[in-house]
Protein backbone atom coordinates (compact mmCIF):
# COMPACT_ATOMS: atom_id res chain seq x y z
CA UNK A 1 0.00 0.00 0.00
CA UNK A 2 1.35 3.42 -0.97
CA UNK A 3 1.11 6.04 1.75
CA UNK A 4 2.25 9.63 1.27
CA UNK A 5 5.44 10.49 3.06
CA UNK A 6 5.44 13.51 5.30
CA UNK A 7 8.63 15.53 5.44
CA UNK A 8 9.16 17.73 8.42
CA UNK A 9 11.62 20.55 8.04
CA UNK A 10 13.10 21.93 11.23
CA UNK A 11 14.01 25.60 10.96
CA UNK A 12 16.16 27.05 13.72
CA UNK A 13 14.76 30.10 15.47
CA UNK A 14 16.44 33.37 14.56
CA UNK A 15 17.80 35.48 17.35
CA UNK A 16 16.86 39.15 17.29
CA UNK A 17 19.69 41.56 16.56
CA UNK A 18 21.72 42.42 19.60
CA UNK A 19 21.21 39.06 21.29
CA UNK A 20 24.31 37.48 22.68
CA UNK A 21 25.71 34.44 20.96
CA UNK A 22 27.17 31.42 22.73
CA UNK A 23 30.49 33.23 23.32
CA UNK A 24 28.73 36.03 25.18
CA UNK A 25 29.44 38.58 22.42
CA UNK A 26 26.72 40.61 20.79
CA UNK A 27 25.84 39.13 17.41
CA UNK A 28 26.60 41.24 14.36
CA UNK A 29 23.75 42.52 12.20
CA UNK A 30 23.29 40.69 8.90
CA UNK A 31 23.69 43.85 6.81
CA UNK A 32 26.40 46.53 6.97
CA UNK A 33 25.66 49.79 8.71
CA UNK A 34 24.30 52.81 6.85
CA UNK A 35 27.71 54.50 7.15
CA UNK A 36 29.25 51.70 5.04
CA UNK A 37 26.88 52.46 2.17
CA UNK A 38 27.45 56.21 2.51
CA UNK A 39 31.23 55.74 2.22
CA UNK A 40 30.81 53.24 -0.61
CA UNK A 41 28.61 55.57 -2.67
CA UNK A 42 30.87 58.57 -2.00
CA UNK A 43 33.78 56.52 -3.35
CA UNK A 44 31.76 55.43 -6.38
CA UNK A 45 30.74 59.04 -7.03
CA UNK A 46 34.35 60.25 -6.91
CA UNK A 47 35.43 57.41 -9.23
CA UNK A 48 32.67 58.34 -11.68
CA UNK A 49 33.75 61.98 -11.62
CA UNK A 50 37.37 60.99 -12.27
CA UNK A 51 36.30 58.70 -15.12
CA UNK A 52 34.22 61.47 -16.69
CA UNK A 53 37.14 63.91 -16.52
CA UNK A 54 39.45 61.32 -18.08
CA UNK A 55 36.92 60.66 -20.84
CA UNK A 56 36.63 64.37 -21.61
CA UNK A 57 40.43 64.66 -21.78
CA UNK A 58 40.66 61.66 -24.11
CA UNK A 59 37.91 63.04 -26.34
CA UNK A 60 39.73 66.36 -26.57
CA UNK A 61 43.01 64.61 -27.42
CA UNK A 62 41.27 62.51 -30.09
CA UNK A 63 39.74 65.61 -31.64
CA UNK A 64 43.18 67.28 -31.73
CA UNK A 65 44.77 64.20 -33.30
CA UNK A 66 42.00 63.88 -35.86
CA UNK A 67 42.40 67.54 -36.78
CA UNK A 68 46.18 67.16 -37.04
CA UNK A 69 46.08 63.95 -39.08
CA UNK A 70 43.20 65.24 -41.14
CA UNK A 71 45.36 68.11 -42.39
CA UNK A 72 48.32 65.77 -42.94
CA UNK A 73 46.09 63.35 -44.86
CA UNK A 74 44.69 66.21 -46.95
CA UNK A 75 48.21 67.46 -47.74
CA UNK A 76 49.28 63.93 -48.77
CA UNK A 77 46.29 63.60 -51.06
CA UNK A 78 47.11 66.96 -52.66
CA UNK A 79 50.73 65.99 -53.23
CA UNK A 80 49.67 62.70 -54.87
CA UNK A 81 47.27 64.45 -57.26
CA UNK A 82 49.83 67.10 -58.18
CA UNK A 83 52.36 64.51 -59.39
C-alpha atoms as a PDB file:
ATOM      1  CA  UNK A   1       0.000   0.000   0.000  1.00  0.00           C
ATOM      2  CA  UNK A   2       1.347   3.418  -0.974  1.00  0.00           C
ATOM      3  CA  UNK A   3       1.112   6.037   1.746  1.00  0.00           C
ATOM      4  CA  UNK A   4       2.247   9.630   1.269  1.00  0.00           C
ATOM      5  CA  UNK A   5       5.444  10.495   3.055  1.00  0.00           C
ATOM      6  CA  UNK A   6       5.441  13.513   5.305  1.00  0.00           C
ATOM      7  CA  UNK A   7       8.632  15.525   5.443  1.00  0.00           C
ATOM      8  CA  UNK A   8       9.160  17.727   8.422  1.00  0.00           C
ATOM      9  CA  UNK A   9      11.623  20.553   8.039  1.00  0.00           C
ATOM     10  CA  UNK A  10      13.099  21.929  11.225  1.00  0.00           C
ATOM     11  CA  UNK A  11      14.007  25.597  10.960  1.00  0.00           C
ATOM     12  CA  UNK A  12      16.157  27.051  13.722  1.00  0.00           C
ATOM     13  CA  UNK A  13      14.756  30.101  15.470  1.00  0.00           C
ATOM     14  CA  UNK A  14      16.437  33.372  14.564  1.00  0.00           C
ATOM     15  CA  UNK A  15      17.799  35.478  17.352  1.00  0.00           C
ATOM     16  CA  UNK A  16      16.858  39.147  17.289  1.00  0.00           C
ATOM     17  CA  UNK A  17      19.691  41.556  16.557  1.00  0.00           C
ATOM     18  CA  UNK A  18      21.716  42.417  19.602  1.00  0.00           C
ATOM     19  CA  UNK A  19      21.208  39.057  21.293  1.00  0.00           C
ATOM     20  CA  UNK A  20      24.309  37.480  22.683  1.00  0.00           C
ATOM     21  CA  UNK A  21      25.715  34.436  20.960  1.00  0.00           C
ATOM     22  CA  UNK A  22      27.168  31.419  22.730  1.00  0.00           C
ATOM     23  CA  UNK A  23      30.486  33.228  23.322  1.00  0.00           C
ATOM     24  CA  UNK A  24      28.734  36.029  25.181  1.00  0.00           C
ATOM     25  CA  UNK A  25      29.440  38.578  22.416  1.00  0.00           C
ATOM     26  CA  UNK A  26      26.718  40.609  20.789  1.00  0.00           C
ATOM     27  CA  UNK A  27      25.839  39.131  17.413  1.00  0.00           C
ATOM     28  CA  UNK A  28      26.604  41.244  14.358  1.00  0.00           C
ATOM     29  CA  UNK A  29      23.752  42.516  12.200  1.00  0.00           C
ATOM     30  CA  UNK A  30      23.294  40.695   8.900  1.00  0.00           C
ATOM     31  CA  UNK A  31      23.693  43.852   6.807  1.00  0.00           C
ATOM     32  CA  UNK A  32      26.401  46.528   6.972  1.00  0.00           C
ATOM     33  CA  UNK A  33      25.656  49.788   8.710  1.00  0.00           C
ATOM     34  CA  UNK A  34      24.300  52.810   6.849  1.00  0.00           C
ATOM     35  CA  UNK A  35      27.713  54.499   7.152  1.00  0.00           C
ATOM     36  CA  UNK A  36      29.248  51.700   5.036  1.00  0.00           C
ATOM     37  CA  UNK A  37      26.884  52.462   2.166  1.00  0.00           C
ATOM     38  CA  UNK A  38      27.453  56.206   2.508  1.00  0.00           C
ATOM     39  CA  UNK A  39      31.228  55.743   2.224  1.00  0.00           C
ATOM     40  CA  UNK A  40      30.815  53.238  -0.615  1.00  0.00           C
ATOM     41  CA  UNK A  41      28.615  55.572  -2.672  1.00  0.00           C
ATOM     42  CA  UNK A  42      30.872  58.568  -2.003  1.00  0.00           C
ATOM     43  CA  UNK A  43      33.782  56.517  -3.346  1.00  0.00           C
ATOM     44  CA  UNK A  44      31.765  55.434  -6.384  1.00  0.00           C
ATOM     45  CA  UNK A  45      30.737  59.043  -7.029  1.00  0.00           C
ATOM     46  CA  UNK A  46      34.352  60.250  -6.911  1.00  0.00           C
ATOM     47  CA  UNK A  47      35.425  57.414  -9.227  1.00  0.00           C
ATOM     48  CA  UNK A  48      32.670  58.335 -11.682  1.00  0.00           C
ATOM     49  CA  UNK A  49      33.749  61.975 -11.621  1.00  0.00           C
ATOM     50  CA  UNK A  50      37.374  60.987 -12.270  1.00  0.00           C
ATOM     51  CA  UNK A  51      36.297  58.699 -15.120  1.00  0.00           C
ATOM     52  CA  UNK A  52      34.219  61.469 -16.693  1.00  0.00           C
ATOM     53  CA  UNK A  53      37.138  63.915 -16.524  1.00  0.00           C
ATOM     54  CA  UNK A  54      39.449  61.322 -18.084  1.00  0.00           C
ATOM     55  CA  UNK A  55      36.922  60.663 -20.837  1.00  0.00           C
ATOM     56  CA  UNK A  56      36.628  64.373 -21.606  1.00  0.00           C
ATOM     57  CA  UNK A  57      40.433  64.660 -21.781  1.00  0.00           C
ATOM     58  CA  UNK A  58      40.659  61.659 -24.113  1.00  0.00           C
ATOM     59  CA  UNK A  59      37.905  63.036 -26.344  1.00  0.00           C
ATOM     60  CA  UNK A  60      39.726  66.358 -26.568  1.00  0.00           C
ATOM     61  CA  UNK A  61      43.009  64.610 -27.421  1.00  0.00           C
ATOM     62  CA  UNK A  62      41.268  62.506 -30.086  1.00  0.00           C
ATOM     63  CA  UNK A  63      39.736  65.611 -31.642  1.00  0.00           C
ATOM     64  CA  UNK A  64      43.177  67.280 -31.733  1.00  0.00           C
ATOM     65  CA  UNK A  65      44.770  64.203 -33.302  1.00  0.00           C
ATOM     66  CA  UNK A  66      42.005  63.877 -35.864  1.00  0.00           C
ATOM     67  CA  UNK A  67      42.400  67.543 -36.778  1.00  0.00           C
ATOM     68  CA  UNK A  68      46.179  67.162 -37.044  1.00  0.00           C
ATOM     69  CA  UNK A  69      46.081  63.949 -39.080  1.00  0.00           C
ATOM     70  CA  UNK A  70      43.200  65.240 -41.137  1.00  0.00           C
ATOM     71  CA  UNK A  71      45.358  68.114 -42.394  1.00  0.00           C
ATOM     72  CA  UNK A  72      48.317  65.767 -42.939  1.00  0.00           C
ATOM     73  CA  UNK A  73      46.088  63.354 -44.857  1.00  0.00           C
ATOM     74  CA  UNK A  74      44.689  66.207 -46.950  1.00  0.00           C
ATOM     75  CA  UNK A  75      48.214  67.457 -47.740  1.00  0.00           C
ATOM     76  CA  UNK A  76      49.282  63.928 -48.766  1.00  0.00           C
ATOM     77  CA  UNK A  77      46.285  63.596 -51.057  1.00  0.00           C
ATOM     78  CA  UNK A  78      47.108  66.963 -52.661  1.00  0.00           C
ATOM     79  CA  UNK A  79      50.730  65.985 -53.228  1.00  0.00           C
ATOM     80  CA  UNK A  80      49.667  62.698 -54.865  1.00  0.00           C
ATOM     81  CA  UNK A  81      47.271  64.454 -57.257  1.00  0.00           C
ATOM     82  CA  UNK A  82      49.831  67.103 -58.179  1.00  0.00           C
ATOM     83  CA  UNK A  83      52.362  64.508 -59.392  1.00  0.00           C
END
